Amino acid sequence: MNAFPLPEETLGALTLTLKLAGLTTLLLLVIATPLAWWLARTASRWRAAIGALVTLPLVLPPTVIGFYLLVLLGPSGPIGQVMQRLGLGLLPFTFAGLLVGSLIYSLPFAVQPLQSAFRSIGQRPMEVAATLRARPIDAFFSVALPLALPGYIGAAVLTFAHTIGEFGIVLMIGGNIPGRTRVLSTEIYGHVEAMDYVQAHWLAGGMVVFAFLVLLAMTRLQRDAHQVMQ
């Protein structure tokens, strides 16, 4: 008898969760890089407002973000209407909708570590690269990115782990549809609703262990990255 029973529905939720977390992490590292670079170096008067907007998901309840995403992306919302006219369909209660919600909700977990990493580099390395006639884009990829490696490790790990644990916004924008939008967090919620505490304990305990290991791994990876850079 299998000591660690994983029903087919749970395996499906696990696969969908890992897919969502992986895609969210990859896309946010791309999206967050120019945004974090600009926030770390700009003197624009818009910096504080843009920074606050990026940080907003940290203080807003996930249900608030999910609600407004439903309004915007739903059949009566401006984005939803445009998508319907283009024949693209609606995003709510689809995996694509989950991805959009995760990108917005996890944005600060990617931007803030990168912003701190870029700020810690300072002006000197980029000025030296400029004196060697390196174009700004070349200096960014050859100087700034390698120096910001610990920040990228932190951003990737935090974004991935945060997406794994998302619940409120996932439930609002995706519902809890088996095989389509049911992820581990909503799977636990379903087990608790059904008073199936055995399965809920297995999944919840597994996520606690996962979170601990992720934080431990992030600390070690960042320490190793700092040692390599030195």
C-alpha atoms as a PDB file:
ATOM      1  CA  MET A   1       0.000   0.000   0.000  1.00  0.00           C
ATOM      2  CA  ASN A   2       1.298   3.455  -0.952  1.00  0.00           C
ATOM      3  CA  ALA A   3       2.309   5.331   2.203  1.00  0.00           C
ATOM      4  CA  PHE A   4       1.979   8.692   0.441  1.00  0.00           C
ATOM      5  CA  PRO A   5      -1.333   8.535  -1.412  1.00  0.00           C
ATOM      6  CA  LEU A   6      -1.653  11.142  -4.147  1.00  0.00           C
ATOM      7  CA  PRO A   7      -5.011  10.984  -5.917  1.00  0.00           C
ATOM      8  CA  GLU A   8      -5.184  11.880  -9.591  1.00  0.00           C
ATOM      9  CA  GLU A   9      -6.833  15.226  -8.770  1.00  0.00           C
ATOM     10  CA  THR A  10      -3.972  16.119  -6.436  1.00  0.00           C
ATOM     11  CA  LEU A  11      -1.360  15.184  -9.039  1.00  0.00           C
ATOM     12  CA  GLY A  12      -3.198  17.381 -11.536  1.00  0.00           C
ATOM     13  CA  ALA A  13      -3.256  20.276  -9.065  1.00  0.00           C
ATOM     14  CA  LEU A  14       0.460  19.803  -8.351  1.00  0.00           C
ATOM     15  CA  THR A  15       1.323  19.810 -12.063  1.00  0.00           C
ATOM     16  CA  LEU A  16      -0.756  22.932 -12.674  1.00  0.00           C
ATOM     17  CA  THR A  17       0.791  24.666  -9.653  1.00  0.00           C
ATOM     18  CA  LEU A  18       4.341  23.976 -10.820  1.00  0.00           C
ATOM     19  CA  LYS A  19       3.476  25.098 -14.354  1.00  0.00           C
ATOM     20  CA  LEU A  20       1.935  28.325 -13.058  1.00  0.00           C
ATOM     21  CA  ALA A  21       4.852  29.052 -10.708  1.00  0.00           C
ATOM     22  CA  GLY A  22       7.454  28.304 -13.381  1.00  0.00           C
ATOM     23  CA  LEU A  23       5.865  30.492 -16.054  1.00  0.00           C
ATOM     24  CA  THR A  24       5.196  33.308 -13.580  1.00  0.00           C
ATOM     25  CA  THR A  25       8.817  33.274 -12.429  1.00  0.00           C
ATOM     26  CA  LEU A  26      10.289  33.279 -15.942  1.00  0.00           C
ATOM     27  CA  LEU A  27       8.003  36.039 -17.205  1.00  0.00           C
ATOM     28  CA  LEU A  28       8.439  38.210 -14.121  1.00  0.00           C
ATOM     29  CA  LEU A  29      12.236  38.042 -14.275  1.00  0.00           C
ATOM     30  CA  VAL A  30      11.978  39.469 -17.797  1.00  0.00           C
ATOM     31  CA  ILE A  31       9.333  42.060 -16.901  1.00  0.00           C
ATOM     32  CA  ALA A  32      10.917  43.073 -13.589  1.00  0.00           C
ATOM     33  CA  THR A  33      14.447  43.589 -14.926  1.00  0.00           C
ATOM     34  CA  PRO A  34      13.919  46.887 -16.804  1.00  0.00           C
ATOM     35  CA  LEU A  35      11.425  48.084 -14.197  1.00  0.00           C
ATOM     36  CA  ALA A  36      13.797  47.388 -11.284  1.00  0.00           C
ATOM     37  CA  TRP A  37      16.735  48.939 -13.182  1.00  0.00           C
ATOM     38  CA  TRP A  38      14.729  52.110 -13.812  1.00  0.00           C
ATOM     39  CA  LEU A  39      13.524  52.333 -10.200  1.00  0.00           C
ATOM     40  CA  ALA A  40      17.060  51.818  -8.882  1.00  0.00           C
ATOM     41  CA  ARG A  41      18.667  54.509 -11.047  1.00  0.00           C
ATOM     42  CA  THR A  42      16.100  57.090 -12.067  1.00  0.00           C
ATOM     43  CA  ALA A  43      15.685  60.550 -10.577  1.00  0.00           C
ATOM     44  CA  SER A  44      12.254  60.961 -12.156  1.00  0.00           C
ATOM     45  CA  ARG A  45       9.481  62.537 -10.110  1.00  0.00           C
ATOM     46  CA  TRP A  46       7.359  59.507 -11.058  1.00  0.00           C
ATOM     47  CA  ARG A  47       9.676  57.108  -9.263  1.00  0.00           C
ATOM     48  CA  ALA A  48       7.806  57.180  -5.940  1.00  0.00           C
ATOM     49  CA  ALA A  49       4.406  56.706  -7.591  1.00  0.00           C
ATOM     50  CA  ILE A  50       5.582  53.834  -9.819  1.00  0.00           C
ATOM     51  CA  GLY A  51       7.371  52.216  -6.881  1.00  0.00           C
ATOM     52  CA  ALA A  52       4.228  52.440  -4.762  1.00  0.00           C
ATOM     53  CA  LEU A  53       2.159  50.955  -7.587  1.00  0.00           C
ATOM     54  CA  VAL A  54       4.558  48.022  -7.915  1.00  0.00           C
ATOM     55  CA  THR A  55       4.459  47.445  -4.148  1.00  0.00           C
ATOM     56  CA  LEU A  56       0.656  47.709  -3.906  1.00  0.00           C
ATOM     57  CA  PRO A  57       0.015  43.922  -4.121  1.00  0.00           C
ATOM     58  CA  LEU A  58       1.945  43.507  -0.857  1.00  0.00           C
ATOM     59  CA  VAL A  59      -0.617  45.513   1.112  1.00  0.00           C
ATOM     60  CA  LEU A  60      -3.851  44.934  -0.799  1.00  0.00           C
ATOM     61  CA  PRO A  61      -5.956  41.851   0.039  1.00  0.00           C
ATOM     62  CA  PRO A  62      -5.666  39.322  -2.813  1.00  0.00           C
ATOM     63  CA  THR A  63      -9.447  39.295  -3.124  1.00  0.00           C
ATOM     64  CA  VAL A  64      -9.406  43.013  -3.959  1.00  0.00           C
ATOM     65  CA  ILE A  65      -6.922  42.464  -6.784  1.00  0.00           C
ATOM     66  CA  GLY A  66      -8.887  39.426  -7.951  1.00  0.00           C
ATOM     67  CA  PHE A  67     -12.148  41.361  -7.909  1.00  0.00           C
ATOM     68  CA  TYR A  68     -10.829  44.193 -10.068  1.00  0.00           C
ATOM     69  CA  LEU A  69      -9.212  41.725 -12.443  1.00  0.00           C
ATOM     70  CA  LEU A  70     -12.605  40.056 -12.838  1.00  0.00           C
ATOM     71  CA  VAL A  71     -14.159  43.456 -13.559  1.00  0.00           C
ATOM     72  CA  LEU A  72     -11.492  44.378 -16.117  1.00  0.00           C
ATOM     73  CA  LEU A  73     -11.194  40.988 -17.800  1.00  0.00           C
ATOM     74  CA  GLY A  74     -14.841  39.908 -17.603  1.00  0.00           C
ATOM     75  CA  PRO A  75     -17.365  40.158 -20.459  1.00  0.00           C
ATOM     76  CA  SER A  76     -18.438  43.663 -19.419  1.00  0.00           C
ATOM     77  CA  GLY A  77     -14.935  44.941 -18.650  1.00  0.00           C
ATOM     78  CA  PRO A  78     -12.919  47.057 -21.076  1.00  0.00           C
ATOM     79  CA  ILE A  79     -10.160  44.478 -21.568  1.00  0.00           C
ATOM     80  CA  GLY A  80     -12.670  41.632 -21.792  1.00  0.00           C
ATOM     81  CA  GLN A  81     -14.681  43.439 -24.458  1.00  0.00           C
ATOM     82  CA  VAL A  82     -11.573  44.123 -26.538  1.00  0.00           C
ATOM     83  CA  MET A  83     -10.500  40.485 -26.289  1.00  0.00           C
ATOM     84  CA  GLN A  84     -13.927  39.289 -27.357  1.00  0.00           C
ATOM     85  CA  ARG A  85     -13.884  41.580 -30.386  1.00  0.00           C
ATOM     86  CA  LEU A  86     -10.500  40.174 -31.327  1.00  0.00           C
ATOM     87  CA  GLY A  87     -11.875  36.646 -30.968  1.00  0.00           C
ATOM     88  CA  LEU A  88      -9.449  35.781 -28.151  1.00  0.00           C
ATOM     89  CA  GLY A  89     -12.044  34.741 -25.571  1.00  0.00           C
ATOM     90  CA  LEU A  90     -12.202  35.678 -21.911  1.00  0.00           C
ATOM     91  CA  LEU A  91      -9.439  35.150 -19.352  1.00  0.00           C
ATOM     92  CA  PRO A  92     -11.374  34.588 -16.089  1.00  0.00           C
ATOM     93  CA  PHE A  93     -11.591  30.920 -15.034  1.00  0.00           C
ATOM     94  CA  THR A  94      -8.806  29.883 -17.421  1.00  0.00           C
ATOM     95  CA  PHE A  95      -5.130  29.076 -16.883  1.00  0.00           C
ATOM     96  CA  ALA A  96      -4.206  32.248 -18.796  1.00  0.00           C
ATOM     97  CA  GLY A  97      -6.297  34.226 -16.322  1.00  0.00           C
ATOM     98  CA  LEU A  98      -4.464  32.575 -13.432  1.00  0.00           C
ATOM     99  CA  LEU A  99      -1.178  33.554 -15.044  1.00  0.00           C
ATOM    100  CA  VAL A 100      -2.217  37.206 -15.415  1.00  0.00           C
ATOM    101  CA  GLY A 101      -3.312  37.313 -11.776  1.00  0.00           C
ATOM    102  CA  SER A 102      -0.081  35.690 -10.600  1.00  0.00           C
ATOM    103  CA  LEU A 103       2.047  38.121 -12.615  1.00  0.00           C
ATOM    104  CA  ILE A 104       0.361  41.088 -10.963  1.00  0.00           C
ATOM    105  CA  TYR A 105       0.255  39.652  -7.450  1.00  0.00           C
ATOM    106  CA  SER A 106       3.868  38.407  -7.460  1.00  0.00           C
ATOM    107  CA  LEU A 107       5.369  41.456  -9.209  1.00  0.00           C
ATOM    108  CA  PRO A 108       6.875  43.056  -6.066  1.00  0.00           C
ATOM    109  CA  PHE A 109       8.566  39.771  -5.120  1.00  0.00           C
ATOM    110  CA  ALA A 110      10.540  39.986  -8.369  1.00  0.00           C
ATOM    111  CA  VAL A 111      11.086  43.742  -8.554  1.00  0.00           C
ATOM    112  CA  GLN A 112      12.221  44.487  -5.001  1.00  0.00           C
ATOM    113  CA  PRO A 113      15.175  42.020  -4.807  1.00  0.00           C
ATOM    114  CA  LEU A 114      16.356  43.149  -8.253  1.00  0.00           C
ATOM    115  CA  GLN A 115      15.963  46.811  -7.366  1.00  0.00           C
ATOM    116  CA  SER A 116      18.054  46.320  -4.227  1.00  0.00           C
ATOM    117  CA  ALA A 117      20.689  44.399  -6.188  1.00  0.00           C
ATOM    118  CA  PHE A 118      20.937  47.076  -8.900  1.00  0.00           C
ATOM    119  CA  ARG A 119      21.100  49.852  -6.302  1.00  0.00           C
ATOM    120  CA  SER A 120      23.932  48.106  -4.445  1.00  0.00           C
ATOM    121  CA  ILE A 121      26.036  48.040  -7.639  1.00  0.00           C
ATOM    122  CA  GLY A 122      26.361  51.817  -7.592  1.00  0.00           C
ATOM    123  CA  GLN A 123      27.483  54.072 -10.415  1.00  0.00           C
ATOM    124  CA  ARG A 124      31.183  53.218 -10.452  1.00  0.00           C
ATOM    125  CA  PRO A 125      31.121  49.902 -12.418  1.00  0.00           C
ATOM    126  CA  MET A 126      28.906  51.419 -15.119  1.00  0.00           C
ATOM    127  CA  GLU A 127      31.121  54.511 -15.357  1.00  0.00           C
ATOM    128  CA  VAL A 128      34.200  52.320 -15.778  1.00  0.00           C
ATOM    129  CA  ALA A 129      32.435  50.365 -18.524  1.00  0.00           C
ATOM    130  CA  ALA A 130      31.542  53.649 -20.238  1.00  0.00           C
ATOM    131  CA  THR A 131      35.197  54.779 -20.193  1.00  0.00           C
ATOM    132  CA  LEU A 132      36.030  51.537 -22.009  1.00  0.00           C
ATOM    133  CA  ARG A 133      33.541  52.610 -24.707  1.00  0.00           C
ATOM    134  CA  ALA A 134      30.959  49.996 -23.810  1.00  0.00           C
ATOM    135  CA  ARG A 135      27.473  50.903 -24.933  1.00  0.00           C
ATOM    136  CA  PRO A 136      24.888  51.162 -22.095  1.00  0.00           C
ATOM    137  CA  ILE A 137      23.157  47.958 -23.205  1.00  0.00           C
ATOM    138  CA  ASP A 138      26.508  46.101 -23.377  1.00  0.00           C
ATOM    139  CA  ALA A 139      27.529  47.423 -19.964  1.00  0.00           C
ATOM    140  CA  PHE A 140      24.213  46.286 -18.530  1.00  0.00           C
ATOM    141  CA  PHE A 141      24.572  42.708 -19.747  1.00  0.00           C
ATOM    142  CA  SER A 142      28.316  42.361 -19.130  1.00  0.00           C
ATOM    143  CA  VAL A 143      28.599  44.278 -15.845  1.00  0.00           C
ATOM    144  CA  ALA A 144      25.253  44.887 -14.110  1.00  0.00           C
ATOM    145  CA  LEU A 145      23.654  41.479 -14.653  1.00  0.00           C
ATOM    146  CA  PRO A 146      26.580  39.422 -13.298  1.00  0.00           C
ATOM    147  CA  LEU A 147      26.909  41.709 -10.280  1.00  0.00           C
ATOM    148  CA  ALA A 148      23.160  41.414  -9.631  1.00  0.00           C
ATOM    149  CA  LEU A 149      23.212  37.583  -9.636  1.00  0.00           C
ATOM    150  CA  PRO A 150      22.310  37.230  -5.906  1.00  0.00           C
ATOM    151  CA  GLY A 151      19.335  39.517  -6.499  1.00  0.00           C
ATOM    152  CA  TYR A 152      18.172  37.359  -9.405  1.00  0.00           C
ATOM    153  CA  ILE A 153      18.441  34.227  -7.270  1.00  0.00           C
ATOM    154  CA  GLY A 154      16.375  35.855  -4.528  1.00  0.00           C
ATOM    155  CA  ALA A 155      13.800  37.183  -6.994  1.00  0.00           C
ATOM    156  CA  ALA A 156      13.400  33.811  -8.714  1.00  0.00           C
ATOM    157  CA  VAL A 157      13.097  31.800  -5.515  1.00  0.00           C
ATOM    158  CA  LEU A 158      10.710  34.227  -3.799  1.00  0.00           C
ATOM    159  CA  THR A 159       8.509  34.590  -6.884  1.00  0.00           C
ATOM    160  CA  PHE A 160       8.308  30.835  -7.414  1.00  0.00           C
ATOM    161  CA  ALA A 161       7.534  30.110  -3.760  1.00  0.00           C
ATOM    162  CA  HIS A 162       5.019  32.937  -3.498  1.00  0.00           C
ATOM    163  CA  THR A 163       3.162  31.716  -6.572  1.00  0.00           C
ATOM    164  CA  ILE A 164       3.028  28.178  -5.148  1.00  0.00           C
ATOM    165  CA  GLY A 165       1.216  29.531  -2.087  1.00  0.00           C
ATOM    166  CA  GLU A 166      -1.220  31.917  -3.780  1.00  0.00           C
ATOM    167  CA  PHE A 167      -4.839  31.407  -2.803  1.00  0.00           C
ATOM    168  CA  GLY A 168      -7.141  34.435  -2.731  1.00  0.00           C
ATOM    169  CA  ILE A 169      -6.412  35.839  -6.153  1.00  0.00           C
ATOM    170  CA  VAL A 170      -6.305  32.349  -7.666  1.00  0.00           C
ATOM    171  CA  LEU A 171      -9.742  31.537  -6.284  1.00  0.00           C
ATOM    172  CA  MET A 172     -11.183  34.869  -7.446  1.00  0.00           C
ATOM    173  CA  ILE A 173      -9.846  34.893 -10.999  1.00  0.00           C
ATOM    174  CA  GLY A 174      -9.688  31.150 -11.662  1.00  0.00           C
ATOM    175  CA  GLY A 175     -12.208  29.490  -9.416  1.00  0.00           C
ATOM    176  CA  ASN A 176     -11.413  25.913  -8.469  1.00  0.00           C
ATOM    177  CA  ILE A 177     -11.993  23.944 -11.656  1.00  0.00           C
ATOM    178  CA  PRO A 178     -10.317  20.494 -11.643  1.00  0.00           C
ATOM    179  CA  GLY A 179      -7.773  20.119 -14.426  1.00  0.00           C
ATOM    180  CA  ARG A 180      -8.061  23.783 -15.463  1.00  0.00           C
ATOM    181  CA  THR A 181      -7.574  26.159 -12.558  1.00  0.00           C
ATOM    182  CA  ARG A 182      -7.322  23.991  -9.438  1.00  0.00           C
ATOM    183  CA  VAL A 183      -3.899  24.461  -7.819  1.00  0.00           C
ATOM    184  CA  LEU A 184      -2.542  23.107  -4.538  1.00  0.00           C
ATOM    185  CA  SER A 185      -3.833  25.963  -2.378  1.00  0.00           C
ATOM    186  CA  THR A 186      -7.389  25.605  -3.682  1.00  0.00           C
ATOM    187  CA  GLU A 187      -7.061  21.805  -3.484  1.00  0.00           C
ATOM    188  CA  ILE A 188      -6.410  22.156   0.265  1.00  0.00           C
ATOM    189  CA  TYR A 189      -9.410  24.478   0.544  1.00  0.00           C
ATOM    190  CA  GLY A 190     -11.577  21.881  -1.194  1.00  0.00           C
ATOM    191  CA  HIS A 191     -10.446  19.124   1.161  1.00  0.00           C
ATOM    192  CA  VAL A 192     -11.182  21.284   4.203  1.00  0.00           C
ATOM    193  CA  GLU A 193     -14.630  22.149   2.863  1.00  0.00           C
ATOM    194  CA  ALA A 194     -15.288  18.426   2.412  1.00  0.00           C
ATOM    195  CA  MET A 195     -13.885  17.772   5.921  1.00  0.00           C
ATOM    196  CA  ASP A 196     -11.246  15.508   4.405  1.00  0.00           C
ATOM    197  CA  TYR A 197      -8.615  16.549   6.918  1.00  0.00           C
ATOM    198  CA  VAL A 198      -6.263  13.653   6.135  1.00  0.00           C
ATOM    199  CA  GLN A 199      -5.604  14.866   2.588  1.00  0.00           C
ATOM    200  CA  ALA A 200      -5.611  18.485   3.767  1.00  0.00           C
ATOM    201  CA  HIS A 201      -2.902  17.605   6.331  1.00  0.00           C
ATOM    202  CA  TRP A 202      -0.773  15.871   3.681  1.00  0.00           C
ATOM    203  CA  LEU A 203      -0.895  18.838   1.319  1.00  0.00           C
ATOM    204  CA  ALA A 204      -0.625  21.578   3.953  1.00  0.00           C
ATOM    205  CA  GLY A 205       2.272  19.836   5.698  1.00  0.00           C
ATOM    206  CA  GLY A 206       4.024  19.342   2.373  1.00  0.00           C
ATOM    207  CA  MET A 207       3.723  23.051   1.612  1.00  0.00           C
ATOM    208  CA  VAL A 208       5.165  23.961   5.013  1.00  0.00           C
ATOM    209  CA  VAL A 209       8.192  21.730   4.358  1.00  0.00           C
ATOM    210  CA  PHE A 210       8.501  23.137   0.834  1.00  0.00           C
ATOM    211  CA  ALA A 211       8.458  26.736   2.097  1.00  0.00           C
ATOM    212  CA  PHE A 212      11.151  25.983   4.679  1.00  0.00           C
ATOM    213  CA  LEU A 213      13.389  24.258   2.112  1.00  0.00           C
ATOM    214  CA  VAL A 214      12.921  27.108  -0.369  1.00  0.00           C
ATOM    215  CA  LEU A 215      14.033  29.721   2.159  1.00  0.00           C
ATOM    216  CA  LEU A 216      16.974  27.553   3.189  1.00  0.00           C
ATOM    217  CA  ALA A 217      17.999  27.032  -0.433  1.00  0.00           C
ATOM    218  CA  MET A 218      17.712  30.742  -1.202  1.00  0.00           C
ATOM    219  CA  THR A 219      20.032  31.607   1.690  1.00  0.00           C
ATOM    220  CA  ARG A 220      22.636  29.090   0.564  1.00  0.00           C
ATOM    221  CA  LEU A 221      22.419  30.047  -3.118  1.00  0.00           C
ATOM    222  CA  GLN A 222      22.819  33.740  -2.353  1.00  0.00           C
ATOM    223  CA  ARG A 223      25.768  33.011  -0.061  1.00  0.00           C
ATOM    224  CA  ASP A 224      27.438  30.897  -2.770  1.00  0.00           C
ATOM    225  CA  ALA A 225      26.781  33.602  -5.368  1.00  0.00           C
ATOM    226  CA  HIS A 226      28.410  36.233  -3.159  1.00  0.00           C
ATOM    227  CA  GLN A 227      31.433  33.966  -2.635  1.00  0.00           C
ATOM    228  CA  VAL A 228      31.819  33.389  -6.385  1.00  0.00           C
ATOM    229  CA  MET A 229      31.626  37.120  -7.083  1.00  0.00           C
ATOM    230  CA  GLN A 230      34.301  37.823  -4.491  1.00  0.00           C
END
